[in-house]
Amino acid sequence: MAVECSLYGATAETHDRITGGSGSFDTTLRNLRWMKEAGIHVVVKTVVMTMNVKELGLIRDLTTDLGVTFQPTFRIFTPADPQRFVSHLRVSSEDIQNSVLEKSYDPPLTDGE
């Protein structure tokens, strides 16, 4: 069993801009450290988008330093509210290929873990 948490950037500036919450990066890191120290298996999920794709390697490094599993996803779902247009956040195929080639991710967990 694992706890999954979201991390949207390697810096407070990026993470907080995406979440819209000042201080959310520091709170997230504090909670990740607490869970790791408590012996909880933590999986950090990052929705990769135009706002954070250049930090993907740094996010991987940060999660490695924290000792948690890193699993990026490139899926951005269109919200039910048509006023919330999100396609501009999707990264290009080239950026996705570059990220995969850099091996910026851990393999997905299996159902048995």
PDB file of N, CA and C in Angstrom:
ATOM      1  N   MET A   1       0.842  -1.174   0.000  1.00  0.00           N
ATOM      2  CA  MET A   1       0.000   0.000   0.000  1.00  0.00           C
ATOM      3  C   MET A   1       0.891   1.243   0.000  1.00  0.00           C
ATOM      4  N   ALA A   2       0.413   2.292  -0.644  1.00  0.00           N
ATOM      5  CA  ALA A   2       1.170   3.538  -0.723  1.00  0.00           C
ATOM      6  C   ALA A   2       0.223   4.724  -0.637  1.00  0.00           C
ATOM      7  N   VAL A   3       0.782   5.840  -0.235  1.00  0.00           N
ATOM      8  CA  VAL A   3       0.058   7.110  -0.258  1.00  0.00           C
ATOM      9  C   VAL A   3       0.556   7.881  -1.465  1.00  0.00           C
ATOM     10  N   GLU A   4      -0.370   8.367  -2.276  1.00  0.00           N
ATOM     11  CA  GLU A   4      -0.007   9.150  -3.450  1.00  0.00           C
ATOM     12  C   GLU A   4      -0.222  10.629  -3.152  1.00  0.00           C
ATOM     13  N   CYS A   5       0.780  11.433  -3.506  1.00  0.00           N
ATOM     14  CA  CYS A   5       0.718  12.879  -3.288  1.00  0.00           C
ATOM     15  C   CYS A   5       1.103  13.590  -4.571  1.00  0.00           C
ATOM     16  N   SER A   6       0.565  14.774  -4.750  1.00  0.00           N
ATOM     17  CA  SER A   6       0.884  15.574  -5.936  1.00  0.00           C
ATOM     18  C   SER A   6       2.002  16.555  -5.639  1.00  0.00           C
ATOM     19  N   LEU A   7       2.912  16.680  -6.591  1.00  0.00           N
ATOM     20  CA  LEU A   7       3.973  17.687  -6.549  1.00  0.00           C
ATOM     21  C   LEU A   7       4.063  18.245  -7.961  1.00  0.00           C
ATOM     22  N   TYR A   8       3.859  19.551  -8.100  1.00  0.00           N
ATOM     23  CA  TYR A   8       3.738  20.150  -9.426  1.00  0.00           C
ATOM     24  C   TYR A   8       4.971  20.894  -9.896  1.00  0.00           C
ATOM     25  N   GLY A   9       5.991  20.978  -9.068  1.00  0.00           N
ATOM     26  CA  GLY A   9       7.201  21.661  -9.486  1.00  0.00           C
ATOM     27  C   GLY A   9       8.347  21.351  -8.549  1.00  0.00           C
ATOM     28  N   ALA A  10       9.554  21.685  -9.006  1.00  0.00           N
ATOM     29  CA  ALA A  10      10.746  21.490  -8.183  1.00  0.00           C
ATOM     30  C   ALA A  10      11.033  22.717  -7.341  1.00  0.00           C
ATOM     31  N   THR A  11      10.283  23.783  -7.588  1.00  0.00           N
ATOM     32  CA  THR A  11      10.466  25.038  -6.852  1.00  0.00           C
ATOM     33  C   THR A  11       9.125  25.501  -6.301  1.00  0.00           C
ATOM     34  N   ALA A  12       9.199  26.301  -5.249  1.00  0.00           N
ATOM     35  CA  ALA A  12       7.978  26.870  -4.676  1.00  0.00           C
ATOM     36  C   ALA A  12       7.265  27.749  -5.696  1.00  0.00           C
ATOM     37  N   GLU A  13       8.031  28.477  -6.481  1.00  0.00           N
ATOM     38  CA  GLU A  13       7.424  29.372  -7.469  1.00  0.00           C
ATOM     39  C   GLU A  13       6.516  28.606  -8.435  1.00  0.00           C
ATOM     40  N   THR A  14       7.021  27.513  -8.985  1.00  0.00           N
ATOM     41  CA  THR A  14       6.238  26.735  -9.954  1.00  0.00           C
ATOM     42  C   THR A  14       5.086  26.004  -9.282  1.00  0.00           C
ATOM     43  N   HIS A  15       5.369  25.273  -8.223  1.00  0.00           N
ATOM     44  CA  HIS A  15       4.335  24.484  -7.540  1.00  0.00           C
ATOM     45  C   HIS A  15       3.208  25.389  -7.044  1.00  0.00           C
ATOM     46  N   ASP A  16       3.562  26.473  -6.378  1.00  0.00           N
ATOM     47  CA  ASP A  16       2.548  27.369  -5.824  1.00  0.00           C
ATOM     48  C   ASP A  16       1.748  28.067  -6.921  1.00  0.00           C
ATOM     49  N   ARG A  17       2.387  28.389  -8.038  1.00  0.00           N
ATOM     50  CA  ARG A  17       1.664  29.015  -9.149  1.00  0.00           C
ATOM     51  C   ARG A  17       0.620  28.045  -9.709  1.00  0.00           C
ATOM     52  N   ILE A  18       0.981  26.773  -9.833  1.00  0.00           N
ATOM     53  CA  ILE A  18       0.045  25.781 -10.379  1.00  0.00           C
ATOM     54  C   ILE A  18      -1.085  25.492  -9.395  1.00  0.00           C
ATOM     55  N   THR A  19      -0.765  25.369  -8.118  1.00  0.00           N
ATOM     56  CA  THR A  19      -1.807  25.061  -7.127  1.00  0.00           C
ATOM     57  C   THR A  19      -2.630  26.286  -6.762  1.00  0.00           C
ATOM     58  N   GLY A  20      -2.055  27.456  -6.966  1.00  0.00           N
ATOM     59  CA  GLY A  20      -2.756  28.678  -6.584  1.00  0.00           C
ATOM     60  C   GLY A  20      -2.703  28.936  -5.091  1.00  0.00           C
ATOM     61  N   GLY A  21      -1.850  28.208  -4.386  1.00  0.00           N
ATOM     62  CA  GLY A  21      -1.756  28.353  -2.938  1.00  0.00           C
ATOM     63  C   GLY A  21      -0.357  28.717  -2.495  1.00  0.00           C
ATOM     64  N   SER A  22      -0.191  29.906  -1.991  1.00  0.00           N
ATOM     65  CA  SER A  22       1.107  30.336  -1.483  1.00  0.00           C
ATOM     66  C   SER A  22       1.513  29.454  -0.302  1.00  0.00           C
ATOM     67  N   GLY A  23       2.721  28.917  -0.350  1.00  0.00           N
ATOM     68  CA  GLY A  23       3.210  28.056   0.724  1.00  0.00           C
ATOM     69  C   GLY A  23       2.877  26.585   0.540  1.00  0.00           C
ATOM     70  N   SER A  24       2.150  26.237  -0.520  1.00  0.00           N
ATOM     71  CA  SER A  24       1.757  24.830  -0.697  1.00  0.00           C
ATOM     72  C   SER A  24       2.955  23.926  -0.982  1.00  0.00           C
ATOM     73  N   PHE A  25       3.998  24.460  -1.629  1.00  0.00           N
ATOM     74  CA  PHE A  25       5.202  23.671  -1.899  1.00  0.00           C
ATOM     75  C   PHE A  25       5.866  23.266  -0.588  1.00  0.00           C
ATOM     76  N   ASP A  26       6.065  24.237   0.299  1.00  0.00           N
ATOM     77  CA  ASP A  26       6.708  23.942   1.582  1.00  0.00           C
ATOM     78  C   ASP A  26       5.878  22.964   2.408  1.00  0.00           C
ATOM     79  N   THR A  27       4.567  23.140   2.397  1.00  0.00           N
ATOM     80  CA  THR A  27       3.685  22.225   3.125  1.00  0.00           C
ATOM     81  C   THR A  27       3.771  20.816   2.551  1.00  0.00           C
ATOM     82  N   THR A  28       3.788  20.719   1.232  1.00  0.00           N
ATOM     83  CA  THR A  28       3.886  19.411   0.578  1.00  0.00           C
ATOM     84  C   THR A  28       5.189  18.716   0.948  1.00  0.00           C
ATOM     85  N   LEU A  29       6.312  19.439   0.861  1.00  0.00           N
ATOM     86  CA  LEU A  29       7.606  18.830   1.208  1.00  0.00           C
ATOM     87  C   LEU A  29       7.644  18.406   2.672  1.00  0.00           C
ATOM     88  N   ARG A  30       7.110  19.239   3.544  1.00  0.00           N
ATOM     89  CA  ARG A  30       7.085  18.901   4.974  1.00  0.00           C
ATOM     90  C   ARG A  30       6.291  17.608   5.187  1.00  0.00           C
ATOM     91  N   ASN A  31       5.146  17.488   4.534  1.00  0.00           N
ATOM     92  CA  ASN A  31       4.321  16.285   4.686  1.00  0.00           C
ATOM     93  C   ASN A  31       4.959  15.058   4.051  1.00  0.00           C
ATOM     94  N   LEU A  32       5.637  15.231   2.913  1.00  0.00           N
ATOM     95  CA  LEU A  32       6.345  14.106   2.295  1.00  0.00           C
ATOM     96  C   LEU A  32       7.431  13.584   3.231  1.00  0.00           C
ATOM     97  N   ARG A  33       8.188  14.495   3.822  1.00  0.00           N
ATOM     98  CA  ARG A  33       9.248  14.086   4.764  1.00  0.00           C
ATOM     99  C   ARG A  33       8.653  13.376   5.979  1.00  0.00           C
ATOM    100  N   TRP A  34       7.559  13.908   6.501  1.00  0.00           N
ATOM    101  CA  TRP A  34       6.921  13.314   7.666  1.00  0.00           C
ATOM    102  C   TRP A  34       6.469  11.887   7.358  1.00  0.00           C
ATOM    103  N   MET A  35       5.802  11.704   6.212  1.00  0.00           N
ATOM    104  CA  MET A  35       5.327  10.361   5.852  1.00  0.00           C
ATOM    105  C   MET A  35       6.487   9.396   5.654  1.00  0.00           C
ATOM    106  N   LYS A  36       7.551   9.857   5.005  1.00  0.00           N
ATOM    107  CA  LYS A  36       8.721   9.002   4.782  1.00  0.00           C
ATOM    108  C   LYS A  36       9.329   8.588   6.122  1.00  0.00           C
ATOM    109  N   GLU A  37       9.468   9.551   7.034  1.00  0.00           N
ATOM    110  CA  GLU A  37      10.024   9.251   8.361  1.00  0.00           C
ATOM    111  C   GLU A  37       9.126   8.302   9.147  1.00  0.00           C
ATOM    112  N   ALA A  38       7.825   8.342   8.877  1.00  0.00           N
ATOM    113  CA  ALA A  38       6.873   7.461   9.558  1.00  0.00           C
ATOM    114  C   ALA A  38       6.840   6.065   8.933  1.00  0.00           C
ATOM    115  N   GLY A  39       7.647   5.860   7.892  1.00  0.00           N
ATOM    116  CA  GLY A  39       7.711   4.551   7.259  1.00  0.00           C
ATOM    117  C   GLY A  39       6.614   4.293   6.238  1.00  0.00           C
ATOM    118  N   ILE A  40       5.963   5.345   5.801  1.00  0.00           N
ATOM    119  CA  ILE A  40       4.889   5.212   4.816  1.00  0.00           C
ATOM    120  C   ILE A  40       5.488   5.219   3.414  1.00  0.00           C
ATOM    121  N   HIS A  41       5.063   4.279   2.574  1.00  0.00           N
ATOM    122  CA  HIS A  41       5.505   4.253   1.178  1.00  0.00           C
ATOM    123  C   HIS A  41       4.781   5.380   0.447  1.00  0.00           C
ATOM    124  N   VAL A  42       5.546   6.322  -0.093  1.00  0.00           N
ATOM    125  CA  VAL A  42       4.979   7.505  -0.737  1.00  0.00           C
ATOM    126  C   VAL A  42       5.280   7.480  -2.232  1.00  0.00           C
ATOM    127  N   VAL A  43       4.251   7.756  -3.020  1.00  0.00           N
ATOM    128  CA  VAL A  43       4.386   7.893  -4.467  1.00  0.00           C
ATOM    129  C   VAL A  43       4.026   9.334  -4.815  1.00  0.00           C
ATOM    130  N   VAL A  44       4.977  10.044  -5.389  1.00  0.00           N
ATOM    131  CA  VAL A  44       4.733  11.423  -5.810  1.00  0.00           C
ATOM    132  C   VAL A  44       4.297  11.407  -7.265  1.00  0.00           C
ATOM    133  N   LYS A  45       3.120  11.960  -7.507  1.00  0.00           N
ATOM    134  CA  LYS A  45       2.572  12.061  -8.861  1.00  0.00           C
ATOM    135  C   LYS A  45       2.711  13.510  -9.318  1.00  0.00           C
ATOM    136  N   THR A  46       3.180  13.674 -10.539  1.00  0.00           N
ATOM    137  CA  THR A  46       3.311  15.004 -11.130  1.00  0.00           C
ATOM    138  C   THR A  46       2.585  15.017 -12.462  1.00  0.00           C
ATOM    139  N   VAL A  47       1.606  15.904 -12.580  1.00  0.00           N
ATOM    140  CA  VAL A  47       0.970  16.121 -13.873  1.00  0.00           C
ATOM    141  C   VAL A  47       1.907  17.043 -14.647  1.00  0.00           C
ATOM    142  N   VAL A  48       2.498  16.509 -15.712  1.00  0.00           N
ATOM    143  CA  VAL A  48       3.464  17.275 -16.498  1.00  0.00           C
ATOM    144  C   VAL A  48       2.697  18.166 -17.468  1.00  0.00           C
ATOM    145  N   MET A  49       3.014  19.453 -17.412  1.00  0.00           N
ATOM    146  CA  MET A  49       2.343  20.429 -18.263  1.00  0.00           C
ATOM    147  C   MET A  49       3.347  21.479 -18.707  1.00  0.00           C
ATOM    148  N   THR A  50       2.915  22.363 -19.566  1.00  0.00           N
ATOM    149  CA  THR A  50       3.828  23.376 -20.103  1.00  0.00           C
ATOM    150  C   THR A  50       4.472  24.199 -18.995  1.00  0.00           C
ATOM    151  N   MET A  51       3.799  24.352 -17.868  1.00  0.00           N
ATOM    152  CA  MET A  51       4.305  25.185 -16.784  1.00  0.00           C
ATOM    153  C   MET A  51       5.412  24.515 -15.972  1.00  0.00           C
ATOM    154  N   ASN A  52       5.559  23.185 -16.075  1.00  0.00           N
ATOM    155  CA  ASN A  52       6.554  22.507 -15.244  1.00  0.00           C
ATOM    156  C   ASN A  52       7.427  21.499 -15.986  1.00  0.00           C
ATOM    157  N   VAL A  53       7.235  21.338 -17.292  1.00  0.00           N
ATOM    158  CA  VAL A  53       7.960  20.301 -18.032  1.00  0.00           C
ATOM    159  C   VAL A  53       9.471  20.492 -17.954  1.00  0.00           C
ATOM    160  N   LYS A  54       9.933  21.722 -17.898  1.00  0.00           N
ATOM    161  CA  LYS A  54      11.380  21.968 -17.837  1.00  0.00           C
ATOM    162  C   LYS A  54      11.971  21.621 -16.470  1.00  0.00           C
ATOM    163  N   GLU A  55      11.125  21.410 -15.469  1.00  0.00           N
ATOM    164  CA  GLU A  55      11.584  21.042 -14.127  1.00  0.00           C
ATOM    165  C   GLU A  55      11.474  19.544 -13.866  1.00  0.00           C
ATOM    166  N   LEU A  56      11.081  18.779 -14.866  1.00  0.00           N
ATOM    167  CA  LEU A  56      10.826  17.355 -14.651  1.00  0.00           C
ATOM    168  C   LEU A  56      12.037  16.628 -14.072  1.00  0.00           C
ATOM    169  N   GLY A  57      13.214  16.877 -14.621  1.00  0.00           N
ATOM    170  CA  GLY A  57      14.423  16.249 -14.092  1.00  0.00           C
ATOM    171  C   GLY A  57      14.719  16.681 -12.666  1.00  0.00           C
ATOM    172  N   LEU A  58      14.464  17.949 -12.364  1.00  0.00           N
ATOM    173  CA  LEU A  58      14.681  18.458 -11.006  1.00  0.00           C
ATOM    174  C   LEU A  58      13.677  17.861 -10.020  1.00  0.00           C
ATOM    175  N   ILE A  59      12.443  17.665 -10.482  1.00  0.00           N
ATOM    176  CA  ILE A  59      11.445  17.018  -9.621  1.00  0.00           C
ATOM    177  C   ILE A  59      11.880  15.583  -9.336  1.00  0.00           C
ATOM    178  N   ARG A  60      12.357  14.896 -10.363  1.00  0.00           N
ATOM    179  CA  ARG A  60      12.870  13.526 -10.179  1.00  0.00           C
ATOM    180  C   ARG A  60      14.006  13.525  -9.154  1.00  0.00           C
ATOM    181  N   ASP A  61      14.941  14.479  -9.280  1.00  0.00           N
ATOM    182  CA  ASP A  61      16.057  14.553  -8.336  1.00  0.00           C
ATOM    183  C   ASP A  61      15.562  14.816  -6.919  1.00  0.00           C
ATOM    184  N   LEU A  62      14.581  15.700  -6.784  1.00  0.00           N
ATOM    185  CA  LEU A  62      14.027  16.023  -5.468  1.00  0.00           C
ATOM    186  C   LEU A  62      13.373  14.796  -4.843  1.00  0.00           C
ATOM    187  N   THR A  63      12.603  14.062  -5.623  1.00  0.00           N
ATOM    188  CA  THR A  63      11.954  12.868  -5.073  1.00  0.00           C
ATOM    189  C   THR A  63      12.975  11.785  -4.726  1.00  0.00           C
ATOM    190  N   THR A  64      14.037  11.703  -5.504  1.00  0.00           N
ATOM    191  CA  THR A  64      15.115  10.761  -5.185  1.00  0.00           C
ATOM    192  C   THR A  64      15.748  11.137  -3.855  1.00  0.00           C
ATOM    193  N   ASP A  65      16.032  12.425  -3.672  1.00  0.00           N
ATOM    194  CA  ASP A  65      16.611  12.895  -2.409  1.00  0.00           C
ATOM    195  C   ASP A  65      15.682  12.621  -1.230  1.00  0.00           C
ATOM    196  N   LEU A  66      14.379  12.724  -1.463  1.00  0.00           N
ATOM    197  CA  LEU A  66      13.403  12.471  -0.403  1.00  0.00           C
ATOM    198  C   LEU A  66      13.199  10.977  -0.154  1.00  0.00           C
ATOM    199  N   GLY A  67      13.644  10.141  -1.098  1.00  0.00           N
ATOM    200  CA  GLY A  67      13.482   8.696  -0.952  1.00  0.00           C
ATOM    201  C   GLY A  67      12.076   8.207  -1.250  1.00  0.00           C
ATOM    202  N   VAL A  68      11.377   8.918  -2.141  1.00  0.00           N
ATOM    203  CA  VAL A  68      10.020   8.526  -2.505  1.00  0.00           C
ATOM    204  C   VAL A  68       9.969   8.170  -3.990  1.00  0.00           C
ATOM    205  N   THR A  69       8.943   7.453  -4.384  1.00  0.00           N
ATOM    206  CA  THR A  69       8.755   7.049  -5.774  1.00  0.00           C
ATOM    207  C   THR A  69       8.191   8.212  -6.577  1.00  0.00           C
ATOM    208  N   PHE A  70       8.695   8.387  -7.792  1.00  0.00           N
ATOM    209  CA  PHE A  70       8.246   9.472  -8.674  1.00  0.00           C
ATOM    210  C   PHE A  70       7.530   8.891  -9.879  1.00  0.00           C
ATOM    211  N   GLN A  71       6.302   9.330 -10.110  1.00  0.00           N
ATOM    212  CA  GLN A  71       5.531   8.878 -11.264  1.00  0.00           C
ATOM    213  C   GLN A  71       4.863  10.069 -11.948  1.00  0.00           C
ATOM    214  N   PRO A  72       5.490  10.568 -13.012  1.00  0.00           N
ATOM    215  CA  PRO A  72       4.848  11.652 -13.759  1.00  0.00           C
ATOM    216  C   PRO A  72       3.734  11.114 -14.656  1.00  0.00           C
ATOM    217  N   THR A  73       2.798  11.963 -14.954  1.00  0.00           N
ATOM    218  CA  THR A  73       1.762  11.631 -15.924  1.00  0.00           C
ATOM    219  C   THR A  73       1.625  12.799 -16.890  1.00  0.00           C
ATOM    220  N   PHE A  74       1.367  12.487 -18.123  1.00  0.00           N
ATOM    221  CA  PHE A  74       1.221  13.511 -19.151  1.00  0.00           C
ATOM    222  C   PHE A  74      -0.242  13.723 -19.519  1.00  0.00           C
ATOM    223  N   ARG A  75      -1.141  13.098 -18.779  1.00  0.00           N
ATOM    224  CA  ARG A  75      -2.571  13.209 -19.068  1.00  0.00           C
ATOM    225  C   ARG A  75      -3.162  14.438 -18.388  1.00  0.00           C
ATOM    226  N   ILE A  76      -3.740  15.285 -19.189  1.00  0.00           N
ATOM    227  CA  ILE A  76      -4.488  16.427 -18.673  1.00  0.00           C
ATOM    228  C   ILE A  76      -5.900  16.280 -19.219  1.00  0.00           C
ATOM    229  N   PHE A  77      -6.830  16.069 -18.322  1.00  0.00           N
ATOM    230  CA  PHE A  77      -8.206  15.847 -18.735  1.00  0.00           C
ATOM    231  C   PHE A  77      -8.938  17.169 -18.899  1.00  0.00           C
ATOM    232  N   THR A  78      -9.793  17.218 -19.887  1.00  0.00           N
ATOM    233  CA  THR A  78     -10.601  18.403 -20.110  1.00  0.00           C
ATOM    234  C   THR A  78     -11.689  18.458 -19.045  1.00  0.00           C
ATOM    235  N   PRO A  79     -11.793  19.587 -18.339  1.00  0.00           N
ATOM    236  CA  PRO A  79     -12.818  19.695 -17.299  1.00  0.00           C
ATOM    237  C   PRO A  79     -14.227  19.710 -17.896  1.00  0.00           C
ATOM    238  N   ALA A  80     -15.195  19.355 -17.083  1.00  0.00           N
ATOM    239  CA  ALA A  80     -16.587  19.361 -17.525  1.00  0.00           C
ATOM    240  C   ALA A  80     -17.060  20.781 -17.839  1.00  0.00           C
ATOM    241  N   ASP A  81     -16.478  21.761 -17.165  1.00  0.00           N
ATOM    242  CA  ASP A  81     -16.846  23.162 -17.388  1.00  0.00           C
ATOM    243  C   ASP A  81     -16.115  23.678 -18.624  1.00  0.00           C
ATOM    244  N   PRO A  82     -16.828  23.962 -19.713  1.00  0.00           N
ATOM    245  CA  PRO A  82     -16.170  24.405 -20.948  1.00  0.00           C
ATOM    246  C   PRO A  82     -15.451  25.748 -20.810  1.00  0.00           C
ATOM    247  N   GLN A  83     -15.744  26.490 -19.767  1.00  0.00           N
ATOM    248  CA  GLN A  83     -15.067  27.770 -19.526  1.00  0.00           C
ATOM    249  C   GLN A  83     -13.620  27.568 -19.080  1.00  0.00           C
ATOM    250  N   ARG A  84     -13.312  26.373 -18.605  1.00  0.00           N
ATOM    251  CA  ARG A  84     -11.966  26.090 -18.093  1.00  0.00           C
ATOM    252  C   ARG A  84     -11.150  25.359 -19.151  1.00  0.00           C
ATOM    253  N   PHE A  85     -10.746  26.067 -20.152  1.00  0.00           N
ATOM    254  CA  PHE A  85      -9.996  25.528 -21.284  1.00  0.00           C
ATOM    255  C   PHE A  85      -8.580  25.178 -20.826  1.00  0.00           C
ATOM    256  N   VAL A  86      -8.128  23.935 -21.050  1.00  0.00           N
ATOM    257  CA  VAL A  86      -6.832  23.505 -20.518  1.00  0.00           C
ATOM    258  C   VAL A  86      -5.863  22.975 -21.564  1.00  0.00           C
ATOM    259  N   SER A  87      -6.253  22.936 -22.817  1.00  0.00           N
ATOM    260  CA  SER A  87      -5.378  22.311 -23.814  1.00  0.00           C
ATOM    261  C   SER A  87      -4.037  23.027 -23.937  1.00  0.00           C
ATOM    262  N   HIS A  88      -3.971  24.297 -23.585  1.00  0.00           N
ATOM    263  CA  HIS A  88      -2.703  25.030 -23.637  1.00  0.00           C
ATOM    264  C   HIS A  88      -1.694  24.509 -22.610  1.00  0.00           C
ATOM    265  N   LEU A  89      -2.146  23.731 -21.653  1.00  0.00           N
ATOM    266  CA  LEU A  89      -1.252  23.179 -20.633  1.00  0.00           C
ATOM    267  C   LEU A  89      -0.596  21.871 -21.072  1.00  0.00           C
ATOM    268  N   ARG A  90      -1.132  21.242 -22.109  1.00  0.00           N
ATOM    269  CA  ARG A  90      -0.589  19.958 -22.563  1.00  0.00           C
ATOM    270  C   ARG A  90       0.775  20.161 -23.216  1.00  0.00           C
ATOM    271  N   VAL A  91       1.710  19.267 -22.890  1.00  0.00           N
ATOM    272  CA  VAL A  91       3.056  19.348 -23.461  1.00  0.00           C
ATOM    273  C   VAL A  91       3.068  18.688 -24.833  1.00  0.00           C
ATOM    274  N   SER A  92       4.047  19.062 -25.624  1.00  0.00           N
ATOM    275  CA  SER A  92       4.160  18.526 -26.979  1.00  0.00           C
ATOM    276  C   SER A  92       4.668  17.086 -26.949  1.00  0.00           C
ATOM    277  N   SER A  93       4.451  16.386 -28.044  1.00  0.00           N
ATOM    278  CA  SER A  93       4.957  15.011 -28.173  1.00  0.00           C
ATOM    279  C   SER A  93       6.469  14.979 -28.030  1.00  0.00           C
ATOM    280  N   GLU A  94       7.136  15.995 -28.558  1.00  0.00           N
ATOM    281  CA  GLU A  94       8.598  16.064 -28.457  1.00  0.00           C
ATOM    282  C   GLU A  94       9.043  16.184 -27.001  1.00  0.00           C
ATOM    283  N   ASP A  95       8.357  17.023 -26.224  1.00  0.00           N
ATOM    284  CA  ASP A  95       8.695  17.154 -24.804  1.00  0.00           C
ATOM    285  C   ASP A  95       8.459  15.841 -24.063  1.00  0.00           C
ATOM    286  N   ILE A  96       7.401  15.141 -24.412  1.00  0.00           N
ATOM    287  CA  ILE A  96       7.121  13.848 -23.782  1.00  0.00           C
ATOM    288  C   ILE A  96       8.226  12.854 -24.114  1.00  0.00           C
ATOM    289  N   GLN A  97       8.613  12.772 -25.376  1.00  0.00           N
ATOM    290  CA  GLN A  97       9.681  11.855 -25.779  1.00  0.00           C
ATOM    291  C   GLN A  97      10.980  12.189 -25.065  1.00  0.00           C
ATOM    292  N   ASN A  98      11.321  13.464 -24.980  1.00  0.00           N
ATOM    293  CA  ASN A  98      12.551  13.865 -24.292  1.00  0.00           C
ATOM    294  C   ASN A  98      12.503  13.471 -22.825  1.00  0.00           C
ATOM    295  N   SER A  99      11.359  13.615 -22.187  1.00  0.00           N
ATOM    296  CA  SER A  99      11.222  13.258 -20.779  1.00  0.00           C
ATOM    297  C   SER A  99      11.397  11.766 -20.576  1.00  0.00           C
ATOM    298  N   VAL A 100      10.791  10.972 -21.440  1.00  0.00           N
ATOM    299  CA  VAL A 100      10.908   9.517 -21.329  1.00  0.00           C
ATOM    300  C   VAL A 100      12.341   9.084 -21.604  1.00  0.00           C
ATOM    301  N   LEU A 101      12.978   9.699 -22.587  1.00  0.00           N
ATOM    302  CA  LEU A 101      14.365   9.351 -22.898  1.00  0.00           C
ATOM    303  C   LEU A 101      15.295   9.676 -21.743  1.00  0.00           C
ATOM    304  N   GLU A 102      14.964  10.720 -20.977  1.00  0.00           N
ATOM    305  CA  GLU A 102      15.776  11.067 -19.807  1.00  0.00           C
ATOM    306  C   GLU A 102      15.517  10.118 -18.645  1.00  0.00           C
ATOM    307  N   LYS A 103      14.524   9.228 -18.806  1.00  0.00           N
ATOM    308  CA  LYS A 103      14.146   8.292 -17.739  1.00  0.00           C
ATOM    309  C   LYS A 103      13.828   9.045 -16.459  1.00  0.00           C
ATOM    310  N   SER A 104      12.967  10.031 -16.583  1.00  0.00           N
ATOM    311  CA  SER A 104      12.594  10.895 -15.469  1.00  0.00           C
ATOM    312  C   SER A 104      11.475  10.309 -14.621  1.00  0.00           C
ATOM    313  N   TYR A 105      11.319   9.006 -14.610  1.00  0.00           N
ATOM    314  CA  TYR A 105      10.188   8.416 -13.925  1.00  0.00           C
ATOM    315  C   TYR A 105      10.568   7.061 -13.358  1.00  0.00           C
ATOM    316  N   ASP A 106       9.767   6.600 -12.419  1.00  0.00           N
ATOM    317  CA  ASP A 106       9.874   5.247 -11.895  1.00  0.00           C
ATOM    318  C   ASP A 106       8.779   4.423 -12.558  1.00  0.00           C
ATOM    319  N   PRO A 107       8.976   3.124 -12.726  1.00  0.00           N
ATOM    320  CA  PRO A 107       7.912   2.315 -13.313  1.00  0.00           C
ATOM    321  C   PRO A 107       6.668   2.343 -12.428  1.00  0.00           C
ATOM    322  N   PRO A 108       5.492   2.187 -13.017  1.00  0.00           N
ATOM    323  CA  PRO A 108       4.259   2.193 -12.222  1.00  0.00           C
ATOM    324  C   PRO A 108       4.248   1.059 -11.211  1.00  0.00           C
ATOM    325  N   LEU A 109       3.552   1.290 -10.116  1.00  0.00           N
ATOM    326  CA  LEU A 109       3.384   0.241  -9.113  1.00  0.00           C
ATOM    327  C   LEU A 109       2.469  -0.836  -9.664  1.00  0.00           C
ATOM    328  N   THR A 110       2.708  -2.060  -9.258  1.00  0.00           N
ATOM    329  CA  THR A 110       1.808  -3.145  -9.644  1.00  0.00           C
ATOM    330  C   THR A 110       0.740  -3.274  -8.577  1.00  0.00           C
ATOM    331  N   ASP A 111      -0.310  -3.994  -8.885  1.00  0.00           N
ATOM    332  CA  ASP A 111      -1.387  -4.182  -7.916  1.00  0.00           C
ATOM    333  C   ASP A 111      -0.911  -4.911  -6.668  1.00  0.00           C
ATOM    334  N   GLY A 112       0.173  -5.661  -6.783  1.00  0.00           N
ATOM    335  CA  GLY A 112       0.664  -6.432  -5.652  1.00  0.00           C
ATOM    336  C   GLY A 112       1.467  -5.634  -4.649  1.00  0.00           C
ATOM    337  N   GLU A 113       1.788  -4.372  -4.960  1.00  0.00           N
ATOM    338  CA  GLU A 113       2.613  -3.587  -4.026  1.00  0.00           C
ATOM    339  C   GLU A 113       1.769  -2.816  -3.058  1.00  0.00           C
TER     340      GLU A 113
END
